[in-house]
Amino acid sequence: ESFHAEFCAGTQAEVIGQAERLCRRAIDYCEEQGLGVFSLGLAMQG
């Protein structure tokens, strides 16, 4: 499954918060599908 979100952050806290919310959507999907989350990978610009 894939999830996407437009970048809509202006501060560091907002960037990290938006990233955490998108991760939570993916993890919630895993739980709904009966999937254990084995690991998390972060790819970052900069």
PDB file of all heavy atoms in Angstrom:
ATOM      1  N   GLU A   1       0.845  -1.191   0.000  1.00  0.00           N
ATOM      2  CA  GLU A   1       0.000   0.000   0.000  1.00  0.00           C
ATOM      3  C   GLU A   1       0.882   1.244   0.000  1.00  0.00           C
ATOM      4  O   GLU A   1       2.018   1.217   0.473  1.00  0.00           O
ATOM      5  CB  GLU A   1      -0.907   0.003   1.233  1.00  0.00           C
ATOM      6  CG  GLU A   1      -1.982   1.069   1.236  1.00  0.00           C
ATOM      7  CD  GLU A   1      -2.913   0.995   0.049  1.00  0.00           C
ATOM      8  OE1 GLU A   1      -3.905   0.242   0.109  1.00  0.00           O
ATOM      9  OE2 GLU A   1      -2.619   1.687  -0.950  1.00  0.00           O
ATOM     10  N   SER A   2       0.346   2.331  -0.545  1.00  0.00           N
ATOM     11  CA  SER A   2       1.068   3.604  -0.605  1.00  0.00           C
ATOM     12  C   SER A   2       0.189   4.722  -0.058  1.00  0.00           C
ATOM     13  O   SER A   2      -1.034   4.701  -0.201  1.00  0.00           O
ATOM     14  CB  SER A   2       1.458   3.929  -2.052  1.00  0.00           C
ATOM     15  OG  SER A   2       2.302   2.938  -2.595  1.00  0.00           O
ATOM     16  N   PHE A   3       0.849   5.704   0.562  1.00  0.00           N
ATOM     17  CA  PHE A   3       0.165   6.881   1.102  1.00  0.00           C
ATOM     18  C   PHE A   3       0.953   8.124   0.695  1.00  0.00           C
ATOM     19  O   PHE A   3       2.187   8.083   0.621  1.00  0.00           O
ATOM     20  CB  PHE A   3       0.071   6.808   2.633  1.00  0.00           C
ATOM     21  CG  PHE A   3      -0.608   5.573   3.143  1.00  0.00           C
ATOM     22  CD1 PHE A   3       0.123   4.408   3.389  1.00  0.00           C
ATOM     23  CD2 PHE A   3      -1.969   5.558   3.375  1.00  0.00           C
ATOM     24  CE1 PHE A   3      -0.494   3.261   3.860  1.00  0.00           C
ATOM     25  CE2 PHE A   3      -2.607   4.414   3.843  1.00  0.00           C
ATOM     26  CZ  PHE A   3      -1.876   3.271   4.086  1.00  0.00           C
ATOM     27  N   HIS A   4       0.242   9.210   0.460  1.00  0.00           N
ATOM     28  CA  HIS A   4       0.905  10.443   0.026  1.00  0.00           C
ATOM     29  C   HIS A   4       0.282  11.642   0.720  1.00  0.00           C
ATOM     30  O   HIS A   4      -0.891  11.618   1.123  1.00  0.00           O
ATOM     31  CB  HIS A   4       0.776  10.607  -1.491  1.00  0.00           C
ATOM     32  CG  HIS A   4       1.306   9.454  -2.276  1.00  0.00           C
ATOM     33  ND1 HIS A   4       2.646   9.289  -2.572  1.00  0.00           N
ATOM     34  CD2 HIS A   4       0.675   8.359  -2.791  1.00  0.00           C
ATOM     35  CE1 HIS A   4       2.812   8.172  -3.246  1.00  0.00           C
ATOM     36  NE2 HIS A   4       1.632   7.591  -3.397  1.00  0.00           N
ATOM     37  N   ALA A   5       1.086  12.697   0.864  1.00  0.00           N
ATOM     38  CA  ALA A   5       0.594  13.936   1.458  1.00  0.00           C
ATOM     39  C   ALA A   5       1.381  15.106   0.885  1.00  0.00           C
ATOM     40  O   ALA A   5       2.608  15.009   0.692  1.00  0.00           O
ATOM     41  CB  ALA A   5       0.747  13.896   2.980  1.00  0.00           C
ATOM     42  N   GLU A   6       0.680  16.185   0.592  1.00  0.00           N
ATOM     43  CA  GLU A   6       1.363  17.396   0.153  1.00  0.00           C
ATOM     44  C   GLU A   6       2.169  17.967   1.307  1.00  0.00           C
ATOM     45  O   GLU A   6       1.750  17.908   2.458  1.00  0.00           O
ATOM     46  CB  GLU A   6       0.352  18.446  -0.328  1.00  0.00           C
ATOM     47  CG  GLU A   6      -0.354  18.082  -1.616  1.00  0.00           C
ATOM     48  CD  GLU A   6      -1.255  19.195  -2.114  1.00  0.00           C
ATOM     49  OE1 GLU A   6      -1.190  20.311  -1.541  1.00  0.00           O
ATOM     50  OE2 GLU A   6      -2.012  18.959  -3.064  1.00  0.00           O
ATOM     51  N   PHE A   7       3.327  18.531   0.985  1.00  0.00           N
ATOM     52  CA  PHE A   7       4.152  19.163   2.008  1.00  0.00           C
ATOM     53  C   PHE A   7       3.467  20.454   2.448  1.00  0.00           C
ATOM     54  O   PHE A   7       3.205  21.338   1.637  1.00  0.00           O
ATOM     55  CB  PHE A   7       5.544  19.461   1.449  1.00  0.00           C
ATOM     56  CG  PHE A   7       6.459  20.112   2.450  1.00  0.00           C
ATOM     57  CD1 PHE A   7       7.065  19.368   3.433  1.00  0.00           C
ATOM     58  CD2 PHE A   7       6.694  21.481   2.410  1.00  0.00           C
ATOM     59  CE1 PHE A   7       7.907  19.965   4.365  1.00  0.00           C
ATOM     60  CE2 PHE A   7       7.533  22.091   3.325  1.00  0.00           C
ATOM     61  CZ  PHE A   7       8.143  21.328   4.308  1.00  0.00           C
ATOM     62  N   CYS A   8       3.166  20.559   3.729  1.00  0.00           N
ATOM     63  CA  CYS A   8       2.438  21.732   4.209  1.00  0.00           C
ATOM     64  C   CYS A   8       2.960  22.178   5.566  1.00  0.00           C
ATOM     65  O   CYS A   8       2.188  22.504   6.465  1.00  0.00           O
ATOM     66  CB  CYS A   8       0.943  21.456   4.271  1.00  0.00           C
ATOM     67  SG  CYS A   8       0.497  20.032   5.282  1.00  0.00           S
ATOM     68  N   ALA A   9       4.273  22.168   5.733  1.00  0.00           N
ATOM     69  CA  ALA A   9       4.883  22.522   7.007  1.00  0.00           C
ATOM     70  C   ALA A   9       5.793  23.733   6.840  1.00  0.00           C
ATOM     71  O   ALA A   9       6.416  23.915   5.792  1.00  0.00           O
ATOM     72  CB  ALA A   9       5.684  21.337   7.552  1.00  0.00           C
ATOM     73  N   GLY A  10       5.864  24.559   7.877  1.00  0.00           N
ATOM     74  CA  GLY A  10       6.720  25.732   7.828  1.00  0.00           C
ATOM     75  C   GLY A  10       7.839  25.720   8.848  1.00  0.00           C
ATOM     76  O   GLY A  10       8.825  26.432   8.706  1.00  0.00           O
ATOM     77  N   THR A  11       7.679  24.904   9.893  1.00  0.00           N
ATOM     78  CA  THR A  11       8.681  24.822  10.946  1.00  0.00           C
ATOM     79  C   THR A  11       9.186  23.395  11.077  1.00  0.00           C
ATOM     80  O   THR A  11       8.587  22.451  10.552  1.00  0.00           O
ATOM     81  CB  THR A  11       8.088  25.262  12.294  1.00  0.00           C
ATOM     82  OG1 THR A  11       7.108  24.283  12.719  1.00  0.00           O
ATOM     83  CG2 THR A  11       7.438  26.642  12.191  1.00  0.00           C
ATOM     84  N   GLN A  12      10.279  23.234  11.812  1.00  0.00           N
ATOM     85  CA  GLN A  12      10.837  21.901  12.029  1.00  0.00           C
ATOM     86  C   GLN A  12       9.836  20.995  12.735  1.00  0.00           C
ATOM     87  O   GLN A  12       9.645  19.832  12.354  1.00  0.00           O
ATOM     88  CB  GLN A  12      12.129  21.999  12.839  1.00  0.00           C
ATOM     89  CG  GLN A  12      12.825  20.669  13.051  1.00  0.00           C
ATOM     90  CD  GLN A  12      14.232  20.828  13.592  1.00  0.00           C
ATOM     91  OE1 GLN A  12      14.700  21.941  13.802  1.00  0.00           O
ATOM     92  NE2 GLN A  12      14.922  19.729  13.819  1.00  0.00           N
ATOM     93  N   ALA A  13       9.166  21.527  13.751  1.00  0.00           N
ATOM     94  CA  ALA A  13       8.191  20.727  14.492  1.00  0.00           C
ATOM     95  C   ALA A  13       7.049  20.286  13.578  1.00  0.00           C
ATOM     96  O   ALA A  13       6.551  19.157  13.688  1.00  0.00           O
ATOM     97  CB  ALA A  13       7.650  21.523  15.674  1.00  0.00           C
ATOM     98  N   GLU A  14       6.629  21.160  12.670  1.00  0.00           N
ATOM     99  CA  GLU A  14       5.541  20.811  11.758  1.00  0.00           C
ATOM    100  C   GLU A  14       5.970  19.749  10.752  1.00  0.00           C
ATOM    101  O   GLU A  14       5.193  18.864  10.403  1.00  0.00           O
ATOM    102  CB  GLU A  14       5.067  22.066  11.027  1.00  0.00           C
ATOM    103  CG  GLU A  14       4.295  23.035  11.921  1.00  0.00           C
ATOM    104  CD  GLU A  14       4.013  24.368  11.252  1.00  0.00           C
ATOM    105  OE1 GLU A  14       4.628  24.667  10.204  1.00  0.00           O
ATOM    106  OE2 GLU A  14       3.189  25.126  11.783  1.00  0.00           O
ATOM    107  N   VAL A  15       7.227  19.824  10.262  1.00  0.00           N
ATOM    108  CA  VAL A  15       7.746  18.811   9.336  1.00  0.00           C
ATOM    109  C   VAL A  15       7.748  17.441  10.000  1.00  0.00           C
ATOM    110  O   VAL A  15       7.241  16.451   9.451  1.00  0.00           O
ATOM    111  CB  VAL A  15       9.166  19.172   8.869  1.00  0.00           C
ATOM    112  CG1 VAL A  15       9.784  18.006   8.083  1.00  0.00           C
ATOM    113  CG2 VAL A  15       9.151  20.423   7.992  1.00  0.00           C
ATOM    114  N   ILE A  16       8.298  17.380  11.205  1.00  0.00           N
ATOM    115  CA  ILE A  16       8.380  16.102  11.909  1.00  0.00           C
ATOM    116  C   ILE A  16       6.984  15.596  12.265  1.00  0.00           C
ATOM    117  O   ILE A  16       6.684  14.399  12.149  1.00  0.00           O
ATOM    118  CB  ILE A  16       9.268  16.234  13.158  1.00  0.00           C
ATOM    119  CG1 ILE A  16      10.714  16.542  12.731  1.00  0.00           C
ATOM    120  CG2 ILE A  16       9.219  14.962  14.001  1.00  0.00           C
ATOM    121  CD1 ILE A  16      11.648  16.846  13.883  1.00  0.00           C
ATOM    122  N   GLY A  17       6.106  16.516  12.665  1.00  0.00           N
ATOM    123  CA  GLY A  17       4.739  16.126  12.995  1.00  0.00           C
ATOM    124  C   GLY A  17       4.001  15.564  11.796  1.00  0.00           C
ATOM    125  O   GLY A  17       3.288  14.552  11.907  1.00  0.00           O
ATOM    126  N   GLN A  18       4.175  16.177  10.626  1.00  0.00           N
ATOM    127  CA  GLN A  18       3.520  15.673   9.421  1.00  0.00           C
ATOM    128  C   GLN A  18       4.061  14.297   9.062  1.00  0.00           C
ATOM    129  O   GLN A  18       3.301  13.400   8.663  1.00  0.00           O
ATOM    130  CB  GLN A  18       3.713  16.637   8.260  1.00  0.00           C
ATOM    131  CG  GLN A  18       2.928  16.232   7.023  1.00  0.00           C
ATOM    132  CD  GLN A  18       3.059  17.229   5.875  1.00  0.00           C
ATOM    133  OE1 GLN A  18       3.825  18.187   5.944  1.00  0.00           O
ATOM    134  NE2 GLN A  18       2.325  16.993   4.798  1.00  0.00           N
ATOM    135  N   ALA A  19       5.366  14.105   9.223  1.00  0.00           N
ATOM    136  CA  ALA A  19       5.978  12.801   8.930  1.00  0.00           C
ATOM    137  C   ALA A  19       5.443  11.729   9.877  1.00  0.00           C
ATOM    138  O   ALA A  19       5.135  10.606   9.456  1.00  0.00           O
ATOM    139  CB  ALA A  19       7.493  12.904   9.052  1.00  0.00           C
ATOM    140  N   GLU A  20       5.319  12.064  11.133  1.00  0.00           N
ATOM    141  CA  GLU A  20       4.812  11.091  12.108  1.00  0.00           C
ATOM    142  C   GLU A  20       3.362  10.717  11.816  1.00  0.00           C
ATOM    143  O   GLU A  20       2.981   9.541  11.956  1.00  0.00           O
ATOM    144  CB  GLU A  20       4.949  11.668  13.518  1.00  0.00           C
ATOM    145  CG  GLU A  20       6.386  11.749  14.009  1.00  0.00           C
ATOM    146  CD  GLU A  20       6.517  12.349  15.389  1.00  0.00           C
ATOM    147  OE1 GLU A  20       5.608  13.104  15.797  1.00  0.00           O
ATOM    148  OE2 GLU A  20       7.529  12.077  16.054  1.00  0.00           O
ATOM    149  N   ARG A  21       2.571  11.672  11.394  1.00  0.00           N
ATOM    150  CA  ARG A  21       1.161  11.368  11.095  1.00  0.00           C
ATOM    151  C   ARG A  21       1.034  10.441   9.893  1.00  0.00           C
ATOM    152  O   ARG A  21       0.189   9.534   9.873  1.00  0.00           O
ATOM    153  CB  ARG A  21       0.388  12.665  10.852  1.00  0.00           C
ATOM    154  CG  ARG A  21       0.148  13.476  12.118  1.00  0.00           C
ATOM    155  CD  ARG A  21      -0.851  14.595  11.884  1.00  0.00           C
ATOM    156  NE  ARG A  21      -0.365  15.595  10.947  1.00  0.00           N
ATOM    157  CZ  ARG A  21       0.408  16.630  11.280  1.00  0.00           C
ATOM    158  NH1 ARG A  21       0.803  16.791  12.537  1.00  0.00           N
ATOM    159  NH2 ARG A  21       0.770  17.517  10.373  1.00  0.00           N
ATOM    160  N   LEU A  22       1.876  10.657   8.874  1.00  0.00           N
ATOM    161  CA  LEU A  22       1.818   9.786   7.703  1.00  0.00           C
ATOM    162  C   LEU A  22       2.288   8.374   8.058  1.00  0.00           C
ATOM    163  O   LEU A  22       1.717   7.378   7.600  1.00  0.00           O
ATOM    164  CB  LEU A  22       2.664  10.370   6.565  1.00  0.00           C
ATOM    165  CG  LEU A  22       2.416   9.778   5.171  1.00  0.00           C
ATOM    166  CD1 LEU A  22       0.958   9.919   4.760  1.00  0.00           C
ATOM    167  CD2 LEU A  22       3.323  10.440   4.146  1.00  0.00           C
ATOM    168  N   CYS A  23       3.330   8.285   8.894  1.00  0.00           N
ATOM    169  CA  CYS A  23       3.777   6.968   9.372  1.00  0.00           C
ATOM    170  C   CYS A  23       2.666   6.275  10.151  1.00  0.00           C
ATOM    171  O   CYS A  23       2.450   5.066  10.011  1.00  0.00           O
ATOM    172  CB  CYS A  23       5.012   7.124  10.262  1.00  0.00           C
ATOM    173  SG  CYS A  23       6.557   7.260   9.380  1.00  0.00           S
ATOM    174  N   ARG A  24       1.964   7.040  10.966  1.00  0.00           N
ATOM    175  CA  ARG A  24       0.881   6.448  11.755  1.00  0.00           C
ATOM    176  C   ARG A  24      -0.208   5.896  10.854  1.00  0.00           C
ATOM    177  O   ARG A  24      -0.756   4.822  11.112  1.00  0.00           O
ATOM    178  CB  ARG A  24       0.318   7.506  12.706  1.00  0.00           C
ATOM    179  CG  ARG A  24      -0.937   7.115  13.469  1.00  0.00           C
ATOM    180  CD  ARG A  24      -0.848   5.735  14.121  1.00  0.00           C
ATOM    181  NE  ARG A  24       0.223   5.651  15.095  1.00  0.00           N
ATOM    182  CZ  ARG A  24       0.623   4.501  15.629  1.00  0.00           C
ATOM    183  NH1 ARG A  24       0.077   3.354  15.251  1.00  0.00           N
ATOM    184  NH2 ARG A  24       1.612   4.499  16.513  1.00  0.00           N
ATOM    185  N   ARG A  25      -0.523   6.589   9.743  1.00  0.00           N
ATOM    186  CA  ARG A  25      -1.516   6.072   8.791  1.00  0.00           C
ATOM    187  C   ARG A  25      -1.076   4.716   8.246  1.00  0.00           C
ATOM    188  O   ARG A  25      -1.875   3.778   8.141  1.00  0.00           O
ATOM    189  CB  ARG A  25      -1.693   7.044   7.629  1.00  0.00           C
ATOM    190  CG  ARG A  25      -2.533   8.262   7.916  1.00  0.00           C
ATOM    191  CD  ARG A  25      -2.656   9.145   6.690  1.00  0.00           C
ATOM    192  NE  ARG A  25      -3.297   8.453   5.579  1.00  0.00           N
ATOM    193  CZ  ARG A  25      -3.310   8.917   4.319  1.00  0.00           C
ATOM    194  NH1 ARG A  25      -2.699  10.058   4.026  1.00  0.00           N
ATOM    195  NH2 ARG A  25      -3.929   8.238   3.361  1.00  0.00           N
ATOM    196  N   ALA A  26       0.209   4.611   7.892  1.00  0.00           N
ATOM    197  CA  ALA A  26       0.720   3.355   7.341  1.00  0.00           C
ATOM    198  C   ALA A  26       0.716   2.249   8.381  1.00  0.00           C
ATOM    199  O   ALA A  26       0.361   1.096   8.094  1.00  0.00           O
ATOM    200  CB  ALA A  26       2.131   3.567   6.802  1.00  0.00           C
ATOM    201  N   ILE A  27       1.090   2.583   9.610  1.00  0.00           N
ATOM    202  CA  ILE A  27       1.114   1.580  10.675  1.00  0.00           C
ATOM    203  C   ILE A  27      -0.301   1.139  11.033  1.00  0.00           C
ATOM    204  O   ILE A  27      -0.553  -0.049  11.294  1.00  0.00           O
ATOM    205  CB  ILE A  27       1.871   2.128  11.900  1.00  0.00           C
ATOM    206  CG1 ILE A  27       3.364   2.258  11.549  1.00  0.00           C
ATOM    207  CG2 ILE A  27       1.678   1.236  13.114  1.00  0.00           C
ATOM    208  CD1 ILE A  27       4.200   2.962  12.594  1.00  0.00           C
ATOM    209  N   ASP A  28      -1.250   2.079  11.044  1.00  0.00           N
ATOM    210  CA  ASP A  28      -2.649   1.710  11.277  1.00  0.00           C
ATOM    211  C   ASP A  28      -3.150   0.751  10.197  1.00  0.00           C
ATOM    212  O   ASP A  28      -3.890  -0.201  10.487  1.00  0.00           O
ATOM    213  CB  ASP A  28      -3.532   2.964  11.306  1.00  0.00           C
ATOM    214  CG  ASP A  28      -3.344   3.782  12.571  1.00  0.00           C
ATOM    215  OD1 ASP A  28      -2.730   3.269  13.528  1.00  0.00           O
ATOM    216  OD2 ASP A  28      -3.794   4.947  12.598  1.00  0.00           O
ATOM    217  N   TYR A  29      -2.733   1.015   8.952  1.00  0.00           N
ATOM    218  CA  TYR A  29      -3.094   0.099   7.853  1.00  0.00           C
ATOM    219  C   TYR A  29      -2.539  -1.302   8.137  1.00  0.00           C
ATOM    220  O   TYR A  29      -3.255  -2.305   7.941  1.00  0.00           O
ATOM    221  CB  TYR A  29      -2.545   0.626   6.528  1.00  0.00           C
ATOM    222  CG  TYR A  29      -2.577  -0.392   5.412  1.00  0.00           C
ATOM    223  CD1 TYR A  29      -3.725  -0.587   4.653  1.00  0.00           C
ATOM    224  CD2 TYR A  29      -1.454  -1.163   5.123  1.00  0.00           C
ATOM    225  CE1 TYR A  29      -3.763  -1.536   3.641  1.00  0.00           C
ATOM    226  CE2 TYR A  29      -1.473  -2.111   4.107  1.00  0.00           C
ATOM    227  CZ  TYR A  29      -2.630  -2.297   3.374  1.00  0.00           C
ATOM    228  OH  TYR A  29      -2.650  -3.244   2.380  1.00  0.00           O
ATOM    229  N   CYS A  30      -1.295  -1.375   8.570  1.00  0.00           N
ATOM    230  CA  CYS A  30      -0.696  -2.675   8.878  1.00  0.00           C
ATOM    231  C   CYS A  30      -1.508  -3.408   9.948  1.00  0.00           C
ATOM    232  O   CYS A  30      -1.775  -4.611   9.828  1.00  0.00           O
ATOM    233  CB  CYS A  30       0.753  -2.495   9.345  1.00  0.00           C
ATOM    234  SG  CYS A  30       1.898  -1.966   8.049  1.00  0.00           S
ATOM    235  N   GLU A  31      -1.886  -2.681  10.978  1.00  0.00           N
ATOM    236  CA  GLU A  31      -2.655  -3.305  12.058  1.00  0.00           C
ATOM    237  C   GLU A  31      -4.009  -3.799  11.549  1.00  0.00           C
ATOM    238  O   GLU A  31      -4.465  -4.880  11.917  1.00  0.00           O
ATOM    239  CB  GLU A  31      -2.838  -2.306  13.197  1.00  0.00           C
ATOM    240  CG  GLU A  31      -1.525  -1.973  13.907  1.00  0.00           C
ATOM    241  CD  GLU A  31      -1.668  -0.894  14.962  1.00  0.00           C
ATOM    242  OE1 GLU A  31      -2.779  -0.308  15.070  1.00  0.00           O
ATOM    243  OE2 GLU A  31      -0.691  -0.637  15.679  1.00  0.00           O
ATOM    244  N   GLU A  32      -4.640  -3.007  10.678  1.00  0.00           N
ATOM    245  CA  GLU A  32      -5.933  -3.415  10.111  1.00  0.00           C
ATOM    246  C   GLU A  32      -5.799  -4.682   9.270  1.00  0.00           C
ATOM    247  O   GLU A  32      -6.724  -5.500   9.209  1.00  0.00           O
ATOM    248  CB  GLU A  32      -6.497  -2.286   9.250  1.00  0.00           C
ATOM    249  CG  GLU A  32      -6.931  -1.056  10.045  1.00  0.00           C
ATOM    250  CD  GLU A  32      -7.160   0.143   9.147  1.00  0.00           C
ATOM    251  OE1 GLU A  32      -7.044  -0.015   7.903  1.00  0.00           O
ATOM    252  OE2 GLU A  32      -7.451   1.228   9.670  1.00  0.00           O
ATOM    253  N   GLN A  33      -4.633  -4.847   8.605  1.00  0.00           N
ATOM    254  CA  GLN A  33      -4.406  -6.002   7.739  1.00  0.00           C
ATOM    255  C   GLN A  33      -3.800  -7.185   8.482  1.00  0.00           C
ATOM    256  O   GLN A  33      -3.497  -8.217   7.877  1.00  0.00           O
ATOM    257  CB  GLN A  33      -3.482  -5.601   6.578  1.00  0.00           C
ATOM    258  CG  GLN A  33      -4.035  -4.499   5.692  1.00  0.00           C
ATOM    259  CD  GLN A  33      -5.311  -4.900   4.997  1.00  0.00           C
ATOM    260  OE1 GLN A  33      -5.416  -5.995   4.440  1.00  0.00           O
ATOM    261  NE2 GLN A  33      -6.308  -4.011   5.011  1.00  0.00           N
ATOM    262  N   GLY A  34      -3.597  -7.042   9.777  1.00  0.00           N
ATOM    263  CA  GLY A  34      -2.996  -8.112  10.554  1.00  0.00           C
ATOM    264  C   GLY A  34      -1.504  -8.268  10.325  1.00  0.00           C
ATOM    265  O   GLY A  34      -0.947  -9.354  10.510  1.00  0.00           O
ATOM    266  N   LEU A  35      -0.833  -7.186   9.931  1.00  0.00           N
ATOM    267  CA  LEU A  35       0.601  -7.212   9.654  1.00  0.00           C
ATOM    268  C   LEU A  35       1.386  -6.635  10.825  1.00  0.00           C
ATOM    269  O   LEU A  35       1.056  -5.560  11.335  1.00  0.00           O
ATOM    270  CB  LEU A  35       0.925  -6.383   8.407  1.00  0.00           C
ATOM    271  CG  LEU A  35       0.419  -6.898   7.066  1.00  0.00           C
ATOM    272  CD1 LEU A  35       0.540  -5.811   6.002  1.00  0.00           C
ATOM    273  CD2 LEU A  35       1.218  -8.139   6.649  1.00  0.00           C
ATOM    274  N   GLY A  36       2.421  -7.351  11.237  1.00  0.00           N
ATOM    275  CA  GLY A  36       3.344  -6.786  12.198  1.00  0.00           C
ATOM    276  C   GLY A  36       4.313  -5.848  11.495  1.00  0.00           C
ATOM    277  O   GLY A  36       4.748  -6.124  10.384  1.00  0.00           O
ATOM    278  N   VAL A  37       4.643  -4.720  12.123  1.00  0.00           N
ATOM    279  CA  VAL A  37       5.598  -3.779  11.536  1.00  0.00           C
ATOM    280  C   VAL A  37       7.007  -4.200  11.942  1.00  0.00           C
ATOM    281  O   VAL A  37       7.382  -4.131  13.110  1.00  0.00           O
ATOM    282  CB  VAL A  37       5.309  -2.332  11.994  1.00  0.00           C
ATOM    283  CG1 VAL A  37       6.325  -1.374  11.369  1.00  0.00           C
ATOM    284  CG2 VAL A  37       3.897  -1.923  11.586  1.00  0.00           C
ATOM    285  N   PHE A  38       7.761  -4.657  10.959  1.00  0.00           N
ATOM    286  CA  PHE A  38       9.093  -5.201  11.203  1.00  0.00           C
ATOM    287  C   PHE A  38      10.119  -4.094  11.411  1.00  0.00           C
ATOM    288  O   PHE A  38      11.006  -4.205  12.256  1.00  0.00           O
ATOM    289  CB  PHE A  38       9.501  -6.080  10.013  1.00  0.00           C
ATOM    290  CG  PHE A  38      10.788  -6.825  10.214  1.00  0.00           C
ATOM    291  CD1 PHE A  38      10.833  -7.951  11.018  1.00  0.00           C
ATOM    292  CD2 PHE A  38      11.960  -6.405   9.597  1.00  0.00           C
ATOM    293  CE1 PHE A  38      12.016  -8.646  11.206  1.00  0.00           C
ATOM    294  CE2 PHE A  38      13.141  -7.090   9.781  1.00  0.00           C
ATOM    295  CZ  PHE A  38      13.180  -8.213  10.586  1.00  0.00           C
ATOM    296  N   SER A  39      10.007  -3.004  10.620  1.00  0.00           N
ATOM    297  CA  SER A  39      10.989  -1.922  10.689  1.00  0.00           C
ATOM    298  C   SER A  39      10.425  -0.695  10.008  1.00  0.00           C
ATOM    299  O   SER A  39       9.408  -0.759   9.312  1.00  0.00           O
ATOM    300  CB  SER A  39      12.309  -2.341  10.027  1.00  0.00           C
ATOM    301  OG  SER A  39      12.088  -2.726   8.676  1.00  0.00           O
ATOM    302  N   LEU A  40      11.114   0.432  10.192  1.00  0.00           N
ATOM    303  CA  LEU A  40      10.713   1.703   9.599  1.00  0.00           C
ATOM    304  C   LEU A  40      11.928   2.348   8.941  1.00  0.00           C
ATOM    305  O   LEU A  40      12.992   2.444   9.561  1.00  0.00           O
ATOM    306  CB  LEU A  40      10.147   2.632  10.681  1.00  0.00           C
ATOM    307  CG  LEU A  40       9.883   4.094  10.312  1.00  0.00           C
ATOM    308  CD1 LEU A  40       8.821   4.192   9.224  1.00  0.00           C
ATOM    309  CD2 LEU A  40       9.440   4.878  11.558  1.00  0.00           C
ATOM    310  N   GLY A  41      11.779   2.768   7.687  1.00  0.00           N
ATOM    311  CA  GLY A  41      12.862   3.437   6.970  1.00  0.00           C
ATOM    312  C   GLY A  41      12.507   4.874   6.668  1.00  0.00           C
ATOM    313  O   GLY A  41      11.413   5.165   6.199  1.00  0.00           O
ATOM    314  N   LEU A  42      13.432   5.792   6.927  1.00  0.00           N
ATOM    315  CA  LEU A  42      13.237   7.216   6.667  1.00  0.00           C
ATOM    316  C   LEU A  42      14.206   7.673   5.587  1.00  0.00           C
ATOM    317  O   LEU A  42      15.425   7.520   5.735  1.00  0.00           O
ATOM    318  CB  LEU A  42      13.473   8.040   7.937  1.00  0.00           C
ATOM    319  CG  LEU A  42      12.621   7.706   9.165  1.00  0.00           C
ATOM    320  CD1 LEU A  42      13.070   8.562  10.337  1.00  0.00           C
ATOM    321  CD2 LEU A  42      11.146   7.903   8.873  1.00  0.00           C
ATOM    322  N   ALA A  43      13.674   8.215   4.500  1.00  0.00           N
ATOM    323  CA  ALA A  43      14.485   8.845   3.462  1.00  0.00           C
ATOM    324  C   ALA A  43      14.293  10.351   3.589  1.00  0.00           C
ATOM    325  O   ALA A  43      13.160  10.824   3.525  1.00  0.00           O
ATOM    326  CB  ALA A  43      14.059   8.367   2.077  1.00  0.00           C
ATOM    327  N   MET A  44      15.382  11.097   3.748  1.00  0.00           N
ATOM    328  CA  MET A  44      15.249  12.533   3.996  1.00  0.00           C
ATOM    329  C   MET A  44      16.028  13.358   2.994  1.00  0.00           C
ATOM    330  O   MET A  44      17.172  13.028   2.650  1.00  0.00           O
ATOM    331  CB  MET A  44      15.720  12.901   5.397  1.00  0.00           C
ATOM    332  CG  MET A  44      14.760  12.521   6.492  1.00  0.00           C
ATOM    333  SD  MET A  44      15.092  13.419   8.030  1.00  0.00           S
ATOM    334  CE  MET A  44      14.529  15.063   7.584  1.00  0.00           C
ATOM    335  N   GLN A  45      15.412  14.428   2.554  1.00  0.00           N
ATOM    336  CA  GLN A  45      16.097  15.423   1.736  1.00  0.00           C
ATOM    337  C   GLN A  45      17.025  16.238   2.630  1.00  0.00           C
ATOM    338  O   GLN A  45      16.856  16.286   3.842  1.00  0.00           O
ATOM    339  CB  GLN A  45      15.060  16.341   1.085  1.00  0.00           C
ATOM    340  CG  GLN A  45      15.615  17.296   0.046  1.00  0.00           C
ATOM    341  CD  GLN A  45      14.521  18.164  -0.548  1.00  0.00           C
ATOM    342  OE1 GLN A  45      13.488  18.370   0.065  1.00  0.00           O
ATOM    343  NE2 GLN A  45      14.754  18.660  -1.750  1.00  0.00           N
ATOM    344  N   GLY A  46      18.012  16.875   2.019  1.00  0.00           N
ATOM    345  CA  GLY A  46      18.912  17.728   2.785  1.00  0.00           C
ATOM    346  C   GLY A  46      20.186  17.005   3.145  1.00  0.00           C
ATOM    347  O   GLY A  46      20.702  16.193   2.377  1.00  0.00           O
TER     348      GLY A  46
END
